[in-house]
Structures are given as structure tokens and as C-alpha cells.
């Protein structure tokens, strides 16, 4: 069985903040993963329509124009999410917000303000492993 370091994932990051997306692109690339960045919901939907397959899709919620909820709803209705593990990467963390994105298929939530980039990387790797490899006993997010 391959070690965690041997597992390479393809991840779509949907976030309008160029600084954040550049930071994560470097972090994930250095870990050997392919991180594709979409700076808007329209860009993300176009990438998915092109038939790109991702192990995970990490999306911010608050973006200009269409937001992360719009993205998940539209991509889900069009069957574009495939078997990608959906992860919300946002500072929004009220119960109502969590209930809404869970109803749209999100498996994990990372609060940006509470997670260092290396923690985001570890949580995303763990979440992919948990849901893609049926390791339901894994606890991926210990960040309060």
C-alpha cells in the first residue's frame, strides 16, 4: 500500500482571493499534488464542464457575483461534481451556513482563520483519503 507521501491528488480550489490561491498552489505543489485554481464560480463551472476530474473540490463561500453555495448548487444540479470530495474552505461557520453546505454535499469544513496552510493541506489529504478510500474512522479536522 502506498504511503501518504506517495498519494498524489488533483484538487480544484475555487477562491477569488489571488493571494490565498497562490499560497495554496505553492503548498500543494510542494507536497506533490496538482492544485487547479478557479478564481470565480464561472471559471470553476467551465473547468468541470470540460470534463476535468478532481479528487476534491475546495471552495470558498463568499465571492463576488455567484458564491460558493451557488457553485455547489449549480454544479450539483448539472452533475458536474462527479465523485469529488467537497470541502468548504471559508471563515463562514454559523450553524445555518454549515447546514446549508452539508445539504449541498460538503464533507468537510475548514475555517480559514483557524488553519495554517500546512493544516489545510493535511485536512484536505485526510478528507480525500477518508471518503475516497472508505476510511470512515479517520478524523480529519481537529481545529476548533
N, C-alpha and C. Protein backbone atom coordinates (compact mmCIF):
# COMPACT_ATOMS: atom_id res chain seq x y z
N UNK A 1 0.84 -1.19 0.00
CA UNK A 1 0.00 0.00 0.00
C UNK A 1 0.88 1.24 0.00
N UNK A 2 0.52 2.23 -0.75
CA UNK A 2 1.31 3.46 -0.86
C UNK A 2 1.24 4.26 0.43
N UNK A 3 2.34 4.89 0.77
CA UNK A 3 2.33 5.75 1.95
C UNK A 3 1.63 7.06 1.60
N UNK A 4 1.33 7.82 2.63
CA UNK A 4 0.63 9.09 2.42
C UNK A 4 1.41 9.99 1.47
N UNK A 5 2.75 9.96 1.57
CA UNK A 5 3.57 10.81 0.70
C UNK A 5 3.48 10.39 -0.77
N UNK A 6 3.17 9.10 -1.01
CA UNK A 6 3.09 8.60 -2.38
C UNK A 6 1.77 8.93 -3.07
N UNK A 7 0.77 9.31 -2.30
CA UNK A 7 -0.54 9.61 -2.86
C UNK A 7 -0.54 11.03 -3.41
N UNK A 8 -0.85 11.13 -4.68
CA UNK A 8 -0.91 12.43 -5.35
C UNK A 8 -2.34 12.71 -5.75
N UNK A 9 -2.84 13.85 -5.36
CA UNK A 9 -4.23 14.19 -5.61
C UNK A 9 -4.35 15.38 -6.55
N UNK A 10 -5.47 15.42 -7.25
CA UNK A 10 -5.81 16.55 -8.10
C UNK A 10 -6.98 17.27 -7.43
N UNK A 11 -6.77 18.54 -7.13
CA UNK A 11 -7.72 19.31 -6.34
C UNK A 11 -8.08 20.59 -7.07
N UNK A 12 -9.36 20.91 -7.08
CA UNK A 12 -9.83 22.19 -7.62
C UNK A 12 -10.10 23.11 -6.45
N UNK A 13 -9.47 24.28 -6.48
CA UNK A 13 -9.70 25.32 -5.46
C UNK A 13 -10.48 26.44 -6.11
N UNK A 14 -11.65 26.76 -5.53
CA UNK A 14 -12.48 27.85 -6.02
C UNK A 14 -12.40 28.97 -4.99
N UNK A 15 -11.67 30.02 -5.32
CA UNK A 15 -11.48 31.14 -4.39
C UNK A 15 -11.08 32.37 -5.18
N UNK A 16 -11.73 33.49 -4.91
CA UNK A 16 -11.45 34.72 -5.64
C UNK A 16 -10.24 35.48 -5.10
N UNK A 17 -9.69 35.06 -3.97
CA UNK A 17 -8.55 35.75 -3.36
C UNK A 17 -7.25 35.19 -3.95
N UNK A 18 -6.60 35.98 -4.82
CA UNK A 18 -5.40 35.53 -5.51
C UNK A 18 -4.27 35.20 -4.54
N UNK A 19 -4.11 35.98 -3.49
CA UNK A 19 -3.06 35.70 -2.51
C UNK A 19 -3.25 34.31 -1.90
N UNK A 20 -4.47 34.02 -1.49
CA UNK A 20 -4.76 32.72 -0.88
C UNK A 20 -4.57 31.60 -1.89
N UNK A 21 -5.10 31.76 -3.09
CA UNK A 21 -4.98 30.69 -4.08
C UNK A 21 -3.52 30.46 -4.47
N UNK A 22 -2.72 31.52 -4.59
CA UNK A 22 -1.29 31.36 -4.89
C UNK A 22 -0.56 30.64 -3.75
N UNK A 23 -0.91 30.99 -2.52
CA UNK A 23 -0.28 30.36 -1.35
C UNK A 23 -0.58 28.86 -1.33
N UNK A 24 -1.85 28.50 -1.55
CA UNK A 24 -2.21 27.09 -1.53
C UNK A 24 -1.64 26.36 -2.74
N UNK A 25 -1.57 27.01 -3.88
CA UNK A 25 -0.99 26.38 -5.07
C UNK A 25 0.45 25.96 -4.79
N UNK A 26 1.22 26.84 -4.15
CA UNK A 26 2.60 26.53 -3.81
C UNK A 26 2.67 25.39 -2.79
N UNK A 27 1.85 25.47 -1.76
CA UNK A 27 1.85 24.47 -0.70
C UNK A 27 1.49 23.08 -1.24
N UNK A 28 0.44 23.01 -2.06
CA UNK A 28 0.01 21.72 -2.59
C UNK A 28 0.99 21.19 -3.62
N UNK A 29 1.55 22.06 -4.44
CA UNK A 29 2.54 21.66 -5.43
C UNK A 29 3.78 21.08 -4.75
N UNK A 30 4.24 21.75 -3.70
CA UNK A 30 5.40 21.26 -2.95
C UNK A 30 5.15 19.90 -2.32
N UNK A 31 3.88 19.59 -2.05
CA UNK A 31 3.52 18.28 -1.48
C UNK A 31 3.29 17.24 -2.58
N UNK A 32 3.43 17.65 -3.84
CA UNK A 32 3.30 16.71 -4.95
C UNK A 32 1.91 16.59 -5.55
N UNK A 33 0.99 17.45 -5.11
CA UNK A 33 -0.37 17.40 -5.62
C UNK A 33 -0.54 18.42 -6.75
N UNK A 34 -1.59 18.21 -7.54
CA UNK A 34 -1.93 19.17 -8.59
C UNK A 34 -3.11 20.00 -8.08
N UNK A 35 -2.89 21.29 -7.91
CA UNK A 35 -3.95 22.19 -7.48
C UNK A 35 -4.31 23.08 -8.65
N UNK A 36 -5.56 22.99 -9.09
CA UNK A 36 -6.08 23.82 -10.16
C UNK A 36 -6.91 24.91 -9.50
N UNK A 37 -6.65 26.16 -9.87
CA UNK A 37 -7.33 27.28 -9.24
C UNK A 37 -8.36 27.89 -10.19
N UNK A 38 -9.55 28.10 -9.66
CA UNK A 38 -10.60 28.84 -10.36
C UNK A 38 -10.90 30.06 -9.49
N UNK A 39 -10.74 31.24 -10.07
CA UNK A 39 -10.93 32.47 -9.29
C UNK A 39 -12.37 32.97 -9.29
N UNK A 40 -13.28 32.18 -9.88
CA UNK A 40 -14.69 32.55 -9.87
C UNK A 40 -15.53 31.28 -10.06
N UNK A 41 -16.79 31.39 -9.74
CA UNK A 41 -17.71 30.27 -9.94
C UNK A 41 -17.78 29.93 -11.42
N UNK A 42 -17.84 30.94 -12.28
CA UNK A 42 -17.91 30.69 -13.73
C UNK A 42 -16.70 29.90 -14.21
N UNK A 43 -15.50 30.29 -13.75
CA UNK A 43 -14.29 29.56 -14.13
C UNK A 43 -14.35 28.11 -13.65
N UNK A 44 -14.81 27.91 -12.41
CA UNK A 44 -14.89 26.56 -11.85
C UNK A 44 -15.87 25.70 -12.65
N UNK A 45 -17.02 26.25 -12.97
CA UNK A 45 -18.01 25.51 -13.75
C UNK A 45 -17.47 25.15 -15.13
N UNK A 46 -16.75 26.08 -15.74
CA UNK A 46 -16.15 25.80 -17.05
C UNK A 46 -15.14 24.66 -16.97
N UNK A 47 -14.31 24.66 -15.93
CA UNK A 47 -13.33 23.58 -15.76
C UNK A 47 -14.04 22.24 -15.60
N UNK A 48 -15.11 22.23 -14.83
CA UNK A 48 -15.85 20.99 -14.62
C UNK A 48 -16.56 20.54 -15.90
N UNK A 49 -17.09 21.50 -16.67
CA UNK A 49 -17.76 21.17 -17.92
C UNK A 49 -16.80 20.56 -18.94
N UNK A 50 -15.52 20.94 -18.84
CA UNK A 50 -14.51 20.40 -19.75
C UNK A 50 -14.19 18.94 -19.44
N UNK A 51 -14.80 18.43 -18.38
CA UNK A 51 -14.61 17.03 -18.04
C UNK A 51 -13.44 16.77 -17.11
N UNK A 52 -12.93 17.80 -16.50
CA UNK A 52 -11.83 17.60 -15.55
C UNK A 52 -12.35 16.84 -14.34
N UNK A 53 -11.58 15.87 -13.90
CA UNK A 53 -11.95 15.04 -12.76
C UNK A 53 -11.01 15.37 -11.60
N UNK A 54 -11.59 15.64 -10.45
CA UNK A 54 -10.80 16.03 -9.28
C UNK A 54 -11.07 15.09 -8.13
N UNK A 55 -10.03 14.83 -7.35
CA UNK A 55 -10.21 14.05 -6.14
C UNK A 55 -11.01 14.85 -5.12
N UNK A 56 -10.78 16.16 -5.10
CA UNK A 56 -11.50 17.03 -4.18
C UNK A 56 -11.73 18.39 -4.81
N UNK A 57 -12.79 19.03 -4.36
CA UNK A 57 -13.06 20.41 -4.73
C UNK A 57 -13.18 21.19 -3.43
N UNK A 58 -12.30 22.17 -3.25
CA UNK A 58 -12.35 23.04 -2.08
C UNK A 58 -12.85 24.40 -2.52
N UNK A 59 -13.90 24.87 -1.89
CA UNK A 59 -14.48 26.14 -2.31
C UNK A 59 -14.68 27.09 -1.15
N UNK A 60 -14.40 28.34 -1.45
CA UNK A 60 -14.75 29.42 -0.54
C UNK A 60 -16.25 29.61 -0.68
N UNK A 61 -16.85 30.31 0.26
CA UNK A 61 -18.28 30.59 0.16
C UNK A 61 -18.57 32.01 -0.30
N UNK A 62 -17.82 32.97 0.23
CA UNK A 62 -18.08 34.37 -0.07
C UNK A 62 -17.19 34.82 -1.22
N UNK A 63 -17.83 35.06 -2.37
CA UNK A 63 -17.14 35.54 -3.56
C UNK A 63 -18.07 36.52 -4.26
N UNK A 64 -17.51 37.44 -5.03
CA UNK A 64 -18.38 38.38 -5.76
C UNK A 64 -19.21 37.65 -6.82
N UNK A 65 -20.38 38.19 -7.09
CA UNK A 65 -21.26 37.54 -8.07
C UNK A 65 -21.83 36.28 -7.45
N UNK A 66 -21.63 35.16 -8.13
CA UNK A 66 -22.09 33.88 -7.59
C UNK A 66 -21.14 33.44 -6.48
N UNK A 67 -21.72 32.90 -5.41
CA UNK A 67 -20.89 32.47 -4.27
C UNK A 67 -20.71 30.95 -4.27
N UNK A 68 -20.07 30.45 -3.23
CA UNK A 68 -19.80 29.02 -3.13
C UNK A 68 -21.05 28.17 -3.06
N UNK A 69 -22.10 28.71 -2.44
CA UNK A 69 -23.37 27.97 -2.41
C UNK A 69 -23.94 27.84 -3.82
N UNK A 70 -23.90 28.95 -4.57
CA UNK A 70 -24.36 28.91 -5.97
C UNK A 70 -23.56 27.87 -6.76
N UNK A 71 -22.25 27.87 -6.55
CA UNK A 71 -21.38 26.94 -7.25
C UNK A 71 -21.78 25.50 -6.96
N UNK A 72 -21.89 25.15 -5.67
CA UNK A 72 -22.23 23.78 -5.31
C UNK A 72 -23.60 23.37 -5.83
N UNK A 73 -24.55 24.31 -5.73
CA UNK A 73 -25.90 24.01 -6.19
C UNK A 73 -25.94 23.79 -7.70
N UNK A 74 -25.32 24.71 -8.45
CA UNK A 74 -25.35 24.62 -9.91
C UNK A 74 -24.55 23.41 -10.41
N UNK A 75 -23.36 23.21 -9.87
CA UNK A 75 -22.54 22.08 -10.30
C UNK A 75 -23.21 20.76 -9.94
N UNK A 76 -23.85 20.72 -8.78
CA UNK A 76 -24.56 19.51 -8.36
C UNK A 76 -25.74 19.20 -9.27
N UNK A 77 -26.55 20.23 -9.58
CA UNK A 77 -27.71 20.03 -10.45
C UNK A 77 -27.31 19.56 -11.84
N UNK A 78 -26.16 20.03 -12.31
CA UNK A 78 -25.69 19.66 -13.65
C UNK A 78 -24.87 18.37 -13.64
N UNK A 79 -24.70 17.76 -12.47
CA UNK A 79 -23.94 16.52 -12.38
C UNK A 79 -22.46 16.69 -12.65
N UNK A 80 -21.91 17.86 -12.33
CA UNK A 80 -20.51 18.16 -12.64
C UNK A 80 -19.53 17.81 -11.52
N UNK A 81 -20.05 17.48 -10.35
CA UNK A 81 -19.17 17.24 -9.21
C UNK A 81 -18.55 15.84 -9.23
N UNK A 82 -19.15 14.95 -9.99
CA UNK A 82 -18.63 13.59 -10.07
C UNK A 82 -18.53 12.97 -8.69
N UNK A 83 -17.41 12.29 -8.44
CA UNK A 83 -17.21 11.72 -7.11
C UNK A 83 -16.17 12.50 -6.31
N UNK A 84 -16.01 13.77 -6.69
CA UNK A 84 -15.09 14.64 -5.95
C UNK A 84 -15.57 14.83 -4.53
N UNK A 85 -14.63 14.86 -3.60
CA UNK A 85 -14.94 15.15 -2.20
C UNK A 85 -15.04 16.66 -2.08
N UNK A 86 -16.17 17.14 -1.56
CA UNK A 86 -16.40 18.58 -1.45
C UNK A 86 -15.97 19.07 -0.08
N UNK A 87 -15.14 20.11 -0.08
CA UNK A 87 -14.62 20.70 1.14
C UNK A 87 -14.86 22.20 1.08
N UNK A 88 -15.44 22.74 2.14
CA UNK A 88 -15.65 24.19 2.22
C UNK A 88 -14.47 24.78 2.96
N UNK A 89 -13.86 25.79 2.36
CA UNK A 89 -12.71 26.48 2.92
C UNK A 89 -13.11 27.95 3.07
N UNK A 90 -13.65 28.28 4.24
CA UNK A 90 -14.26 29.60 4.41
C UNK A 90 -14.25 29.99 5.88
N UNK A 91 -14.34 31.28 6.14
CA UNK A 91 -14.46 31.75 7.52
C UNK A 91 -15.91 31.72 8.00
N UNK A 92 -16.83 31.45 7.12
CA UNK A 92 -18.24 31.36 7.49
C UNK A 92 -18.46 30.05 8.24
N UNK A 93 -18.95 30.14 9.49
CA UNK A 93 -19.11 28.89 10.24
C UNK A 93 -20.31 28.85 11.17
N UNK A 94 -21.35 29.61 10.86
CA UNK A 94 -22.55 29.53 11.68
C UNK A 94 -23.26 28.20 11.41
N UNK A 95 -24.12 27.78 12.31
CA UNK A 95 -24.85 26.53 12.14
C UNK A 95 -25.67 26.54 10.86
N UNK A 96 -26.34 27.65 10.56
CA UNK A 96 -27.14 27.74 9.33
C UNK A 96 -26.28 27.54 8.09
N UNK A 97 -25.11 28.16 8.09
CA UNK A 97 -24.20 28.03 6.95
C UNK A 97 -23.74 26.58 6.82
N UNK A 98 -23.36 25.97 7.95
CA UNK A 98 -22.91 24.57 7.91
C UNK A 98 -24.01 23.64 7.42
N UNK A 99 -25.22 23.85 7.90
CA UNK A 99 -26.34 23.01 7.46
C UNK A 99 -26.55 23.15 5.96
N UNK A 100 -26.42 24.36 5.45
CA UNK A 100 -26.65 24.62 4.03
C UNK A 100 -25.60 23.93 3.16
N UNK A 101 -24.30 24.06 3.51
CA UNK A 101 -23.31 23.44 2.64
C UNK A 101 -23.27 21.92 2.80
N UNK A 102 -23.62 21.43 3.97
CA UNK A 102 -23.70 19.97 4.13
C UNK A 102 -24.83 19.41 3.26
N UNK A 103 -25.95 20.14 3.19
CA UNK A 103 -27.07 19.71 2.35
C UNK A 103 -26.68 19.70 0.87
N UNK A 104 -25.66 20.49 0.51
CA UNK A 104 -25.20 20.55 -0.88
C UNK A 104 -24.05 19.56 -1.13
N UNK A 105 -23.75 18.72 -0.15
CA UNK A 105 -22.78 17.65 -0.36
C UNK A 105 -21.40 17.83 0.23
N UNK A 106 -21.14 18.92 0.94
CA UNK A 106 -19.81 19.13 1.52
C UNK A 106 -19.55 18.11 2.62
N UNK A 107 -18.35 17.56 2.63
CA UNK A 107 -17.96 16.55 3.61
C UNK A 107 -17.13 17.13 4.74
N UNK A 108 -16.51 18.27 4.50
CA UNK A 108 -15.61 18.86 5.50
C UNK A 108 -15.69 20.37 5.41
N UNK A 109 -15.35 21.02 6.51
CA UNK A 109 -15.33 22.48 6.58
C UNK A 109 -14.05 22.90 7.28
N UNK A 110 -13.31 23.75 6.63
CA UNK A 110 -12.08 24.29 7.21
C UNK A 110 -12.28 25.79 7.36
N UNK A 111 -12.14 26.28 8.60
CA UNK A 111 -12.24 27.71 8.84
C UNK A 111 -10.86 28.31 8.56
N UNK A 112 -10.80 29.13 7.52
CA UNK A 112 -9.52 29.70 7.08
C UNK A 112 -8.74 30.37 8.20
N UNK A 113 -9.43 31.16 9.01
CA UNK A 113 -8.76 31.93 10.06
C UNK A 113 -8.16 31.04 11.14
N UNK A 114 -8.60 29.80 11.24
CA UNK A 114 -8.14 28.90 12.29
C UNK A 114 -7.13 27.86 11.80
N UNK A 115 -6.81 27.87 10.52
CA UNK A 115 -5.96 26.82 9.96
C UNK A 115 -4.76 27.40 9.22
N UNK A 116 -3.60 26.96 9.59
CA UNK A 116 -2.38 27.31 8.86
C UNK A 116 -2.39 26.53 7.55
N UNK A 117 -1.66 27.00 6.53
CA UNK A 117 -1.66 26.30 5.24
C UNK A 117 -1.28 24.82 5.33
N UNK A 118 -0.32 24.48 6.20
CA UNK A 118 0.05 23.06 6.34
C UNK A 118 -1.10 22.25 6.95
N UNK A 119 -1.90 22.87 7.81
CA UNK A 119 -3.07 22.19 8.38
C UNK A 119 -4.15 22.00 7.31
N UNK A 120 -4.34 23.01 6.46
CA UNK A 120 -5.31 22.90 5.36
C UNK A 120 -4.90 21.73 4.46
N UNK A 121 -3.63 21.66 4.12
CA UNK A 121 -3.12 20.58 3.29
C UNK A 121 -3.40 19.23 3.94
N UNK A 122 -3.06 19.09 5.21
CA UNK A 122 -3.28 17.82 5.92
C UNK A 122 -4.75 17.44 6.00
N UNK A 123 -5.61 18.42 6.27
CA UNK A 123 -7.04 18.14 6.39
C UNK A 123 -7.60 17.70 5.03
N UNK A 124 -7.19 18.38 3.97
CA UNK A 124 -7.69 18.01 2.65
C UNK A 124 -7.19 16.62 2.25
N UNK A 125 -5.91 16.33 2.49
CA UNK A 125 -5.39 14.99 2.20
C UNK A 125 -6.16 13.92 2.98
N UNK A 126 -6.37 14.17 4.26
CA UNK A 126 -7.07 13.23 5.12
C UNK A 126 -8.52 13.04 4.66
N UNK A 127 -9.19 14.14 4.30
CA UNK A 127 -10.59 14.06 3.89
C UNK A 127 -10.72 13.27 2.59
N UNK A 128 -9.81 13.49 1.66
CA UNK A 128 -9.82 12.70 0.42
C UNK A 128 -9.64 11.22 0.75
N UNK A 129 -8.65 10.93 1.59
CA UNK A 129 -8.38 9.55 1.98
C UNK A 129 -9.59 8.92 2.66
N UNK A 130 -10.23 9.69 3.53
CA UNK A 130 -11.40 9.18 4.27
C UNK A 130 -12.54 8.79 3.34
N UNK A 131 -12.85 9.66 2.39
CA UNK A 131 -14.02 9.42 1.55
C UNK A 131 -13.72 8.66 0.26
N UNK A 132 -12.51 8.74 -0.25
CA UNK A 132 -12.16 8.01 -1.47
C UNK A 132 -11.72 6.58 -1.17
N UNK A 133 -11.20 6.37 0.03
CA UNK A 133 -10.67 5.05 0.38
C UNK A 133 -11.45 4.39 1.51
N UNK A 134 -12.67 4.89 1.75
CA UNK A 134 -13.58 4.30 2.73
C UNK A 134 -12.95 4.09 4.10
N UNK A 135 -12.28 5.11 4.57
CA UNK A 135 -11.68 5.04 5.91
C UNK A 135 -12.51 5.91 6.86
N UNK A 136 -13.72 5.45 7.11
CA UNK A 136 -14.69 6.26 7.87
C UNK A 136 -14.24 6.55 9.30
N UNK A 137 -13.25 5.84 9.79
CA UNK A 137 -12.78 6.07 11.15
C UNK A 137 -11.81 7.26 11.26
N UNK A 138 -11.37 7.79 10.14
CA UNK A 138 -10.45 8.92 10.17
C UNK A 138 -11.13 10.18 10.68
N UNK A 139 -10.46 10.92 11.54
CA UNK A 139 -10.92 12.24 11.98
C UNK A 139 -9.93 13.22 11.37
N UNK A 140 -10.43 14.07 10.48
CA UNK A 140 -9.54 14.91 9.69
C UNK A 140 -9.40 16.34 10.19
N UNK A 141 -10.33 16.83 10.93
CA UNK A 141 -10.30 18.25 11.30
C UNK A 141 -10.47 18.42 12.79
N UNK A 142 -9.36 18.62 13.48
CA UNK A 142 -9.38 18.83 14.93
C UNK A 142 -9.31 20.31 15.28
N UNK A 143 -9.41 21.16 14.29
CA UNK A 143 -9.29 22.59 14.52
C UNK A 143 -10.63 23.12 15.05
N UNK A 144 -10.56 23.81 16.15
CA UNK A 144 -11.78 24.36 16.76
C UNK A 144 -12.03 25.76 16.27
